[in-house]
Amino acid sequence: MTPPQDRVALVTGAARGIGAGIAAKLAAQGHPVVLADVIEEVEATAAALRAQGHEARAIRLDVAEEAAVAALPIALGEWWARLGIVVNNAGISPKGPDGRARRVRDMPAEEWRRVLAVNLTGAFLVSQACLPPLRARRWGRIIMLTSQAARAKSQIAGAHYAAAKTGLMGFARSLAVECGPDGITVNSIAPGRIDTPMARGTTEAANAAFLTQIPLGRLGTPEDVAEVAAFLASDAAGYLTGATIDVGGGSFMP
């Protein structure tokens, strides 16, 4: 079995929230972790992991910028050849001044395009860029962070967010078929309501209403999602691909 220190993990949108939780979990398991995010906070998040004795570095990355993603081999340097795990977590969910997602009739086309560019095209660009080192070692784990908004109706997420996250699930299945012969698995995690800065960006009333729909009676935590991501990144999940795992406390049951 390959030791975790020989399987570098790249986590996008890792400055805070679910991405930071996944990066921390993988680092705790011994993986060198690259935290990628467009916001400056990612530097402090990586520094905190290093202070705990983990191998972690931060890179500033807008996943929707094709040239920036294409430069990942340079950004990762000597870690590039050891890349084994890719977590496509970067995402945005814009809200209006009232803390709610805009309705389609009020949604600027530019906002629609930006959400799809980050939440869907960004995952395509990052996955595509990272395939060469994964294929070269004939082992890899690609994990997509989709959403319960892609699985059922949502009173909180905007149409652009739901559309992008639904598309991400379809992309993951197609990529799983393509990459299976190379020993690469591709799976999705669909979180429900998780206590993150993104979730706190909506109204308290909306979060309270959502809470009543969760059989386990609480919001999820980034650590709840990270545990599932760590499993999907492991050898134990080697025969699982093209799947979507719901992490929502029972708020969605297919």
C-alpha atoms as a PDB file:
ATOM      1  CA  MET A   1       0.000   0.000   0.000  1.00  0.00           C
ATOM      2  CA  THR A   2       1.343   3.407  -0.983  1.00  0.00           C
ATOM      3  CA  PRO A   3       1.941   5.610   2.082  1.00  0.00           C
ATOM      4  CA  PRO A   4      -0.094   8.823   2.278  1.00  0.00           C
ATOM      5  CA  GLN A   5       2.995  11.018   2.129  1.00  0.00           C
ATOM      6  CA  ASP A   6       3.454   9.820  -1.452  1.00  0.00           C
ATOM      7  CA  ARG A   7      -0.066  10.912  -2.419  1.00  0.00           C
ATOM      8  CA  VAL A   8      -0.324  14.680  -2.572  1.00  0.00           C
ATOM      9  CA  ALA A   9      -3.851  16.073  -2.227  1.00  0.00           C
ATOM     10  CA  LEU A  10      -5.030  19.214  -4.013  1.00  0.00           C
ATOM     11  CA  VAL A  11      -8.133  20.809  -2.481  1.00  0.00           C
ATOM     12  CA  THR A  12      -9.752  23.786  -4.197  1.00  0.00           C
ATOM     13  CA  GLY A  13     -11.788  26.331  -2.272  1.00  0.00           C
ATOM     14  CA  ALA A  14      -9.746  25.351   0.780  1.00  0.00           C
ATOM     15  CA  ALA A  15      -9.426  28.661   2.611  1.00  0.00           C
ATOM     16  CA  ARG A  16     -12.372  27.930   4.890  1.00  0.00           C
ATOM     17  CA  GLY A  17     -15.520  25.887   5.317  1.00  0.00           C
ATOM     18  CA  ILE A  18     -15.800  22.439   3.770  1.00  0.00           C
ATOM     19  CA  GLY A  19     -12.577  22.775   1.773  1.00  0.00           C
ATOM     20  CA  ALA A  20     -10.547  23.678   4.837  1.00  0.00           C
ATOM     21  CA  GLY A  21     -12.109  20.789   6.738  1.00  0.00           C
ATOM     22  CA  ILE A  22     -11.212  18.294   4.014  1.00  0.00           C
ATOM     23  CA  ALA A  23      -7.660  19.636   3.742  1.00  0.00           C
ATOM     24  CA  ALA A  24      -7.205  19.330   7.508  1.00  0.00           C
ATOM     25  CA  LYS A  25      -8.486  15.748   7.539  1.00  0.00           C
ATOM     26  CA  LEU A  26      -6.255  14.629   4.665  1.00  0.00           C
ATOM     27  CA  ALA A  27      -3.258  16.389   6.223  1.00  0.00           C
ATOM     28  CA  ALA A  28      -3.941  14.640   9.533  1.00  0.00           C
ATOM     29  CA  GLN A  29      -3.825  11.330   7.669  1.00  0.00           C
ATOM     30  CA  GLY A  30      -0.340  12.142   6.421  1.00  0.00           C
ATOM     31  CA  HIS A  31      -1.020  13.493   2.944  1.00  0.00           C
ATOM     32  CA  PRO A  32       0.916  16.546   1.778  1.00  0.00           C
ATOM     33  CA  VAL A  33      -1.870  19.008   1.026  1.00  0.00           C
ATOM     34  CA  VAL A  34      -2.084  21.883  -1.427  1.00  0.00           C
ATOM     35  CA  LEU A  35      -4.783  24.360  -0.441  1.00  0.00           C
ATOM     36  CA  ALA A  36      -5.963  26.388  -3.418  1.00  0.00           C
ATOM     37  CA  ASP A  37      -8.284  29.363  -3.214  1.00  0.00           C
ATOM     38  CA  VAL A  38      -8.840  32.759  -4.748  1.00  0.00           C
ATOM     39  CA  ILE A  39      -8.982  34.504  -1.355  1.00  0.00           C
ATOM     40  CA  GLU A  40      -5.980  35.525   0.714  1.00  0.00           C
ATOM     41  CA  GLU A  41      -7.231  33.640   3.780  1.00  0.00           C
ATOM     42  CA  VAL A  42      -5.914  30.411   2.257  1.00  0.00           C
ATOM     43  CA  GLU A  43      -2.391  31.385   3.291  1.00  0.00           C
ATOM     44  CA  ALA A  44      -3.346  31.479   6.969  1.00  0.00           C
ATOM     45  CA  THR A  45      -5.276  28.209   6.700  1.00  0.00           C
ATOM     46  CA  ALA A  46      -2.235  26.435   5.290  1.00  0.00           C
ATOM     47  CA  ALA A  47       0.038  28.059   7.873  1.00  0.00           C
ATOM     48  CA  ALA A  48      -2.184  26.721  10.661  1.00  0.00           C
ATOM     49  CA  LEU A  49      -1.788  23.198   9.298  1.00  0.00           C
ATOM     50  CA  ARG A  50       1.988  23.589   9.108  1.00  0.00           C
ATOM     51  CA  ALA A  51       1.992  24.796  12.715  1.00  0.00           C
ATOM     52  CA  GLN A  52       0.412  21.459  13.619  1.00  0.00           C
ATOM     53  CA  GLY A  53       3.282  19.620  11.940  1.00  0.00           C
ATOM     54  CA  HIS A  54       1.597  18.842   8.621  1.00  0.00           C
ATOM     55  CA  GLU A  55       2.945  19.293   5.099  1.00  0.00           C
ATOM     56  CA  ALA A  56       0.773  22.012   3.605  1.00  0.00           C
ATOM     57  CA  ARG A  57       1.189  24.800   1.127  1.00  0.00           C
ATOM     58  CA  ALA A  58      -1.181  27.425  -0.203  1.00  0.00           C
ATOM     59  CA  ILE A  59      -1.644  28.684  -3.747  1.00  0.00           C
ATOM     60  CA  ARG A  60      -3.869  31.492  -4.951  1.00  0.00           C
ATOM     61  CA  LEU A  61      -6.047  30.102  -7.724  1.00  0.00           C
ATOM     62  CA  ASP A  62      -9.195  31.146  -9.554  1.00  0.00           C
ATOM     63  CA  VAL A  63     -10.419  27.816 -10.927  1.00  0.00           C
ATOM     64  CA  ALA A  64     -12.375  29.612 -13.653  1.00  0.00           C
ATOM     65  CA  GLU A  65      -9.160  31.072 -15.130  1.00  0.00           C
ATOM     66  CA  GLU A  66      -7.907  28.596 -17.702  1.00  0.00           C
ATOM     67  CA  ALA A  67      -4.350  29.924 -17.804  1.00  0.00           C
ATOM     68  CA  ALA A  68      -4.035  29.828 -14.018  1.00  0.00           C
ATOM     69  CA  VAL A  69      -5.229  26.228 -13.866  1.00  0.00           C
ATOM     70  CA  ALA A  70      -2.881  25.250 -16.695  1.00  0.00           C
ATOM     71  CA  ALA A  71      -0.007  26.563 -14.550  1.00  0.00           C
ATOM     72  CA  LEU A  72      -0.722  24.090 -11.722  1.00  0.00           C
ATOM     73  CA  PRO A  73       2.335  21.926 -12.540  1.00  0.00           C
ATOM     74  CA  ILE A  74       4.540  24.968 -11.969  1.00  0.00           C
ATOM     75  CA  ALA A  75       2.653  26.003  -8.825  1.00  0.00           C
ATOM     76  CA  LEU A  76       2.996  22.531  -7.266  1.00  0.00           C
ATOM     77  CA  GLY A  77       6.617  22.098  -8.357  1.00  0.00           C
ATOM     78  CA  GLU A  78       8.189  18.878  -7.093  1.00  0.00           C
ATOM     79  CA  TRP A  79       4.842  17.827  -5.600  1.00  0.00           C
ATOM     80  CA  TRP A  80       3.201  17.594  -9.024  1.00  0.00           C
ATOM     81  CA  ALA A  81       4.501  14.116  -9.870  1.00  0.00           C
ATOM     82  CA  ARG A  82       3.173  12.825  -6.525  1.00  0.00           C
ATOM     83  CA  LEU A  83      -0.334  14.190  -7.019  1.00  0.00           C
ATOM     84  CA  GLY A  84      -2.870  11.491  -6.177  1.00  0.00           C
ATOM     85  CA  ILE A  85      -6.011  13.174  -4.831  1.00  0.00           C
ATOM     86  CA  VAL A  86      -7.995  16.046  -6.353  1.00  0.00           C
ATOM     87  CA  VAL A  87     -10.913  17.567  -4.453  1.00  0.00           C
ATOM     88  CA  ASN A  88     -13.005  19.955  -6.540  1.00  0.00           C
ATOM     89  CA  ASN A  89     -14.645  21.977  -3.803  1.00  0.00           C
ATOM     90  CA  ALA A  90     -14.396  25.571  -5.038  1.00  0.00           C
ATOM     91  CA  GLY A  91     -17.813  27.133  -5.430  1.00  0.00           C
ATOM     92  CA  ILE A  92     -19.817  30.317  -5.052  1.00  0.00           C
ATOM     93  CA  SER A  93     -23.476  30.948  -4.257  1.00  0.00           C
ATOM     94  CA  PRO A  94     -24.281  34.640  -4.713  1.00  0.00           C
ATOM     95  CA  LYS A  95     -27.139  36.169  -2.766  1.00  0.00           C
ATOM     96  CA  GLY A  96     -29.070  39.387  -3.200  1.00  0.00           C
ATOM     97  CA  PRO A  97     -29.149  42.277  -0.688  1.00  0.00           C
ATOM     98  CA  ASP A  98     -31.836  40.457   1.325  1.00  0.00           C
ATOM     99  CA  GLY A  99     -29.613  37.398   1.846  1.00  0.00           C
ATOM    100  CA  ARG A 100     -31.609  35.272  -0.570  1.00  0.00           C
ATOM    101  CA  ALA A 101     -30.673  33.953  -3.997  1.00  0.00           C
ATOM    102  CA  ARG A 102     -32.041  35.985  -6.862  1.00  0.00           C
ATOM    103  CA  ARG A 103     -34.936  34.544  -8.787  1.00  0.00           C
ATOM    104  CA  VAL A 104     -34.343  33.719 -12.432  1.00  0.00           C
ATOM    105  CA  ARG A 105     -36.392  36.693 -13.562  1.00  0.00           C
ATOM    106  CA  ASP A 106     -34.087  39.017 -11.619  1.00  0.00           C
ATOM    107  CA  MET A 107     -30.768  37.272 -12.200  1.00  0.00           C
ATOM    108  CA  PRO A 108     -28.089  39.126 -14.186  1.00  0.00           C
ATOM    109  CA  ALA A 109     -26.671  36.993 -16.984  1.00  0.00           C
ATOM    110  CA  GLU A 110     -23.157  37.765 -15.763  1.00  0.00           C
ATOM    111  CA  GLU A 111     -23.965  36.291 -12.345  1.00  0.00           C
ATOM    112  CA  TRP A 112     -25.276  33.132 -14.053  1.00  0.00           C
ATOM    113  CA  ARG A 113     -22.122  32.831 -16.138  1.00  0.00           C
ATOM    114  CA  ARG A 114     -19.797  33.375 -13.185  1.00  0.00           C
ATOM    115  CA  VAL A 115     -21.478  30.706 -11.049  1.00  0.00           C
ATOM    116  CA  LEU A 116     -21.261  28.124 -13.833  1.00  0.00           C
ATOM    117  CA  ALA A 117     -17.677  29.154 -14.580  1.00  0.00           C
ATOM    118  CA  VAL A 118     -16.537  28.574 -10.997  1.00  0.00           C
ATOM    119  CA  ASN A 119     -18.789  25.733  -9.858  1.00  0.00           C
ATOM    120  CA  LEU A 120     -18.800  23.619 -13.020  1.00  0.00           C
ATOM    121  CA  THR A 121     -16.218  24.705 -15.576  1.00  0.00           C
ATOM    122  CA  GLY A 122     -13.651  25.157 -12.803  1.00  0.00           C
ATOM    123  CA  ALA A 123     -13.999  21.496 -11.817  1.00  0.00           C
ATOM    124  CA  PHE A 124     -13.591  20.505 -15.470  1.00  0.00           C
ATOM    125  CA  LEU A 125     -10.453  22.605 -15.885  1.00  0.00           C
ATOM    126  CA  VAL A 126      -8.835  21.377 -12.671  1.00  0.00           C
ATOM    127  CA  SER A 127      -9.699  17.727 -13.316  1.00  0.00           C
ATOM    128  CA  GLN A 128      -8.420  17.904 -16.877  1.00  0.00           C
ATOM    129  CA  ALA A 129      -5.176  19.565 -15.815  1.00  0.00           C
ATOM    130  CA  CYS A 130      -4.552  16.983 -13.082  1.00  0.00           C
ATOM    131  CA  LEU A 131      -5.145  13.864 -15.141  1.00  0.00           C
ATOM    132  CA  PRO A 132      -1.569  13.448 -16.473  1.00  0.00           C
ATOM    133  CA  PRO A 133       0.132  12.698 -13.107  1.00  0.00           C
ATOM    134  CA  LEU A 134      -2.785  10.520 -11.988  1.00  0.00           C
ATOM    135  CA  ARG A 135      -2.725   8.517 -15.209  1.00  0.00           C
ATOM    136  CA  ALA A 136       1.042   8.201 -15.031  1.00  0.00           C
ATOM    137  CA  ARG A 137       0.865   6.474 -11.647  1.00  0.00           C
ATOM    138  CA  ARG A 138      -2.303   4.555 -12.623  1.00  0.00           C
ATOM    139  CA  TRP A 139      -3.962   5.545  -9.371  1.00  0.00           C
ATOM    140  CA  GLY A 140      -6.007   8.546  -8.443  1.00  0.00           C
ATOM    141  CA  ARG A 141      -8.987   9.904  -6.572  1.00  0.00           C
ATOM    142  CA  ILE A 142     -11.086  12.770  -7.913  1.00  0.00           C
ATOM    143  CA  ILE A 143     -13.830  14.019  -5.609  1.00  0.00           C
ATOM    144  CA  MET A 144     -16.506  16.509  -6.605  1.00  0.00           C
ATOM    145  CA  LEU A 145     -18.347  18.581  -4.015  1.00  0.00           C
ATOM    146  CA  THR A 146     -21.830  18.940  -5.400  1.00  0.00           C
ATOM    147  CA  SER A 147     -24.898  19.788  -3.295  1.00  0.00           C
ATOM    148  CA  GLN A 148     -28.266  18.659  -2.071  1.00  0.00           C
ATOM    149  CA  ALA A 149     -29.531  21.427  -4.351  1.00  0.00           C
ATOM    150  CA  ALA A 150     -28.588  19.112  -7.223  1.00  0.00           C
ATOM    151  CA  ARG A 151     -30.634  16.261  -5.745  1.00  0.00           C
ATOM    152  CA  ALA A 152     -33.906  17.930  -4.788  1.00  0.00           C
ATOM    153  CA  LYS A 153     -35.715  21.262  -4.840  1.00  0.00           C
ATOM    154  CA  SER A 154     -34.126  24.017  -2.815  1.00  0.00           C
ATOM    155  CA  GLN A 155     -35.643  27.083  -1.193  1.00  0.00           C
ATOM    156  CA  ILE A 156     -32.197  28.581  -0.579  1.00  0.00           C
ATOM    157  CA  ALA A 157     -29.860  27.912  -3.529  1.00  0.00           C
ATOM    158  CA  GLY A 158     -30.222  29.908  -6.730  1.00  0.00           C
ATOM    159  CA  ALA A 159     -31.056  28.344 -10.088  1.00  0.00           C
ATOM    160  CA  HIS A 160     -27.507  28.907 -11.311  1.00  0.00           C
ATOM    161  CA  TYR A 161     -26.046  27.097  -8.287  1.00  0.00           C
ATOM    162  CA  ALA A 162     -28.450  24.162  -8.619  1.00  0.00           C
ATOM    163  CA  ALA A 163     -27.805  23.902 -12.360  1.00  0.00           C
ATOM    164  CA  ALA A 164     -24.029  23.948 -11.929  1.00  0.00           C
ATOM    165  CA  LYS A 165     -24.043  21.373  -9.144  1.00  0.00           C
ATOM    166  CA  THR A 166     -26.375  19.083 -11.112  1.00  0.00           C
ATOM    167  CA  GLY A 167     -24.047  19.374 -14.085  1.00  0.00           C
ATOM    168  CA  LEU A 168     -21.122  18.535 -11.821  1.00  0.00           C
ATOM    169  CA  MET A 169     -22.706  15.203 -10.923  1.00  0.00           C
ATOM    170  CA  GLY A 170     -23.142  14.363 -14.598  1.00  0.00           C
ATOM    171  CA  PHE A 171     -19.576  15.382 -15.330  1.00  0.00           C
ATOM    172  CA  ALA A 172     -18.327  13.163 -12.491  1.00  0.00           C
ATOM    173  CA  ARG A 173     -20.131  10.125 -13.861  1.00  0.00           C
ATOM    174  CA  SER A 174     -18.757  10.677 -17.363  1.00  0.00           C
ATOM    175  CA  LEU A 175     -15.244  11.185 -16.023  1.00  0.00           C
ATOM    176  CA  ALA A 176     -15.550   8.041 -13.888  1.00  0.00           C
ATOM    177  CA  VAL A 177     -16.253   5.985 -17.008  1.00  0.00           C
ATOM    178  CA  GLU A 178     -13.356   7.570 -18.873  1.00  0.00           C
ATOM    179  CA  CYS A 179     -10.825   7.256 -16.054  1.00  0.00           C
ATOM    180  CA  GLY A 180     -11.695   3.831 -14.689  1.00  0.00           C
ATOM    181  CA  PRO A 181      -9.238   1.963 -16.949  1.00  0.00           C
ATOM    182  CA  ASP A 182      -6.453   4.198 -15.581  1.00  0.00           C
ATOM    183  CA  GLY A 183      -7.141   3.228 -11.975  1.00  0.00           C
ATOM    184  CA  ILE A 184      -8.720   6.606 -11.178  1.00  0.00           C
ATOM    185  CA  THR A 185     -12.019   6.805  -9.310  1.00  0.00           C
ATOM    186  CA  VAL A 186     -14.352   9.783  -9.544  1.00  0.00           C
ATOM    187  CA  ASN A 187     -17.077  10.298  -6.955  1.00  0.00           C
ATOM    188  CA  SER A 188     -19.296  13.097  -5.686  1.00  0.00           C
ATOM    189  CA  ILE A 189     -20.340  14.253  -2.244  1.00  0.00           C
ATOM    190  CA  ALA A 190     -23.660  16.096  -1.955  1.00  0.00           C
ATOM    191  CA  PRO A 191     -23.692  18.012   1.332  1.00  0.00           C
ATOM    192  CA  GLY A 192     -26.940  19.209   2.829  1.00  0.00           C
ATOM    193  CA  ARG A 193     -26.954  22.252   5.078  1.00  0.00           C
ATOM    194  CA  ILE A 194     -23.436  22.574   6.496  1.00  0.00           C
ATOM    195  CA  ASP A 195     -22.446  25.238   9.021  1.00  0.00           C
ATOM    196  CA  THR A 196     -20.019  27.251   6.888  1.00  0.00           C
ATOM    197  CA  PRO A 197     -19.505  30.913   5.980  1.00  0.00           C
ATOM    198  CA  MET A 198     -21.473  30.259   2.774  1.00  0.00           C
ATOM    199  CA  ALA A 199     -24.440  28.898   4.736  1.00  0.00           C
ATOM    200  CA  ARG A 200     -24.272  31.814   7.133  1.00  0.00           C
ATOM    201  CA  GLY A 201     -24.580  34.162   4.167  1.00  0.00           C
ATOM    202  CA  THR A 202     -28.318  33.508   3.959  1.00  0.00           C
ATOM    203  CA  THR A 203     -31.019  34.531   6.416  1.00  0.00           C
ATOM    204  CA  GLU A 204     -31.375  33.039   9.882  1.00  0.00           C
ATOM    205  CA  ALA A 205     -35.002  32.248   9.090  1.00  0.00           C
ATOM    206  CA  ALA A 206     -34.011  30.218   6.031  1.00  0.00           C
ATOM    207  CA  ASN A 207     -31.479  28.194   8.016  1.00  0.00           C
ATOM    208  CA  ALA A 208     -33.983  27.670  10.834  1.00  0.00           C
ATOM    209  CA  ALA A 209     -36.590  26.411   8.373  1.00  0.00           C
ATOM    210  CA  PHE A 210     -34.063  24.020   6.847  1.00  0.00           C
ATOM    211  CA  LEU A 211     -33.183  22.682  10.292  1.00  0.00           C
ATOM    212  CA  THR A 212     -36.734  21.408  10.761  1.00  0.00           C
ATOM    213  CA  GLN A 213     -36.247  19.130   7.727  1.00  0.00           C
ATOM    214  CA  ILE A 214     -33.160  17.359   9.114  1.00  0.00           C
ATOM    215  CA  PRO A 215     -33.984  14.108  10.959  1.00  0.00           C
ATOM    216  CA  LEU A 216     -30.711  14.257  12.906  1.00  0.00           C
ATOM    217  CA  GLY A 217     -31.735  17.650  14.236  1.00  0.00           C
ATOM    218  CA  ARG A 218     -28.602  19.678  13.530  1.00  0.00           C
ATOM    219  CA  LEU A 219     -26.671  21.366  10.781  1.00  0.00           C
ATOM    220  CA  GLY A 220     -23.700  19.431   9.455  1.00  0.00           C
ATOM    221  CA  THR A 221     -20.092  20.425  10.020  1.00  0.00           C
ATOM    222  CA  PRO A 222     -17.155  20.564   7.627  1.00  0.00           C
ATOM    223  CA  GLU A 223     -15.735  17.619   9.587  1.00  0.00           C
ATOM    224  CA  ASP A 224     -18.812  15.534   8.720  1.00  0.00           C
ATOM    225  CA  VAL A 225     -18.083  16.053   5.033  1.00  0.00           C
ATOM    226  CA  ALA A 226     -14.337  15.606   5.486  1.00  0.00           C
ATOM    227  CA  GLU A 227     -14.795  12.123   6.934  1.00  0.00           C
ATOM    228  CA  VAL A 228     -16.581  11.013   3.761  1.00  0.00           C
ATOM    229  CA  ALA A 229     -14.005  12.685   1.537  1.00  0.00           C
ATOM    230  CA  ALA A 230     -11.196  10.916   3.401  1.00  0.00           C
ATOM    231  CA  PHE A 231     -12.886   7.576   2.789  1.00  0.00           C
ATOM    232  CA  LEU A 232     -13.337   8.296  -0.918  1.00  0.00           C
ATOM    233  CA  ALA A 233      -9.652   9.269  -1.096  1.00  0.00           C
ATOM    234  CA  SER A 234      -8.530   5.996   0.481  1.00  0.00           C
ATOM    235  CA  ASP A 235      -7.628   2.572  -0.869  1.00  0.00           C
ATOM    236  CA  ALA A 236     -10.725   1.248   0.904  1.00  0.00           C
ATOM    237  CA  ALA A 237     -12.889   3.048  -1.673  1.00  0.00           C
ATOM    238  CA  GLY A 238     -11.067   1.525  -4.618  1.00  0.00           C
ATOM    239  CA  TYR A 239     -14.159  -0.196  -6.041  1.00  0.00           C
ATOM    240  CA  LEU A 240     -16.444   2.817  -5.678  1.00  0.00           C
ATOM    241  CA  THR A 241     -16.709   5.173  -8.641  1.00  0.00           C
ATOM    242  CA  GLY A 242     -19.376   7.283 -10.301  1.00  0.00           C
ATOM    243  CA  ALA A 243     -21.290   7.451  -7.024  1.00  0.00           C
ATOM    244  CA  THR A 244     -22.861  10.365  -5.170  1.00  0.00           C
ATOM    245  CA  ILE A 245     -22.895  10.223  -1.380  1.00  0.00           C
ATOM    246  CA  ASP A 246     -25.411  12.414   0.434  1.00  0.00           C
ATOM    247  CA  VAL A 247     -24.157  14.029   3.645  1.00  0.00           C
ATOM    248  CA  GLY A 248     -27.177  15.843   4.953  1.00  0.00           C
ATOM    249  CA  GLY A 249     -28.340  14.286   8.194  1.00  0.00           C
ATOM    250  CA  GLY A 250     -31.209  12.602   6.359  1.00  0.00           C
ATOM    251  CA  SER A 251     -32.666  15.783   4.885  1.00  0.00           C
ATOM    252  CA  PHE A 252     -32.569  14.078   1.471  1.00  0.00           C
ATOM    253  CA  MET A 253     -33.268  10.382   1.083  1.00  0.00           C
ATOM    254  CA  PRO A 254     -33.441   9.133  -2.539  1.00  0.00           C
END
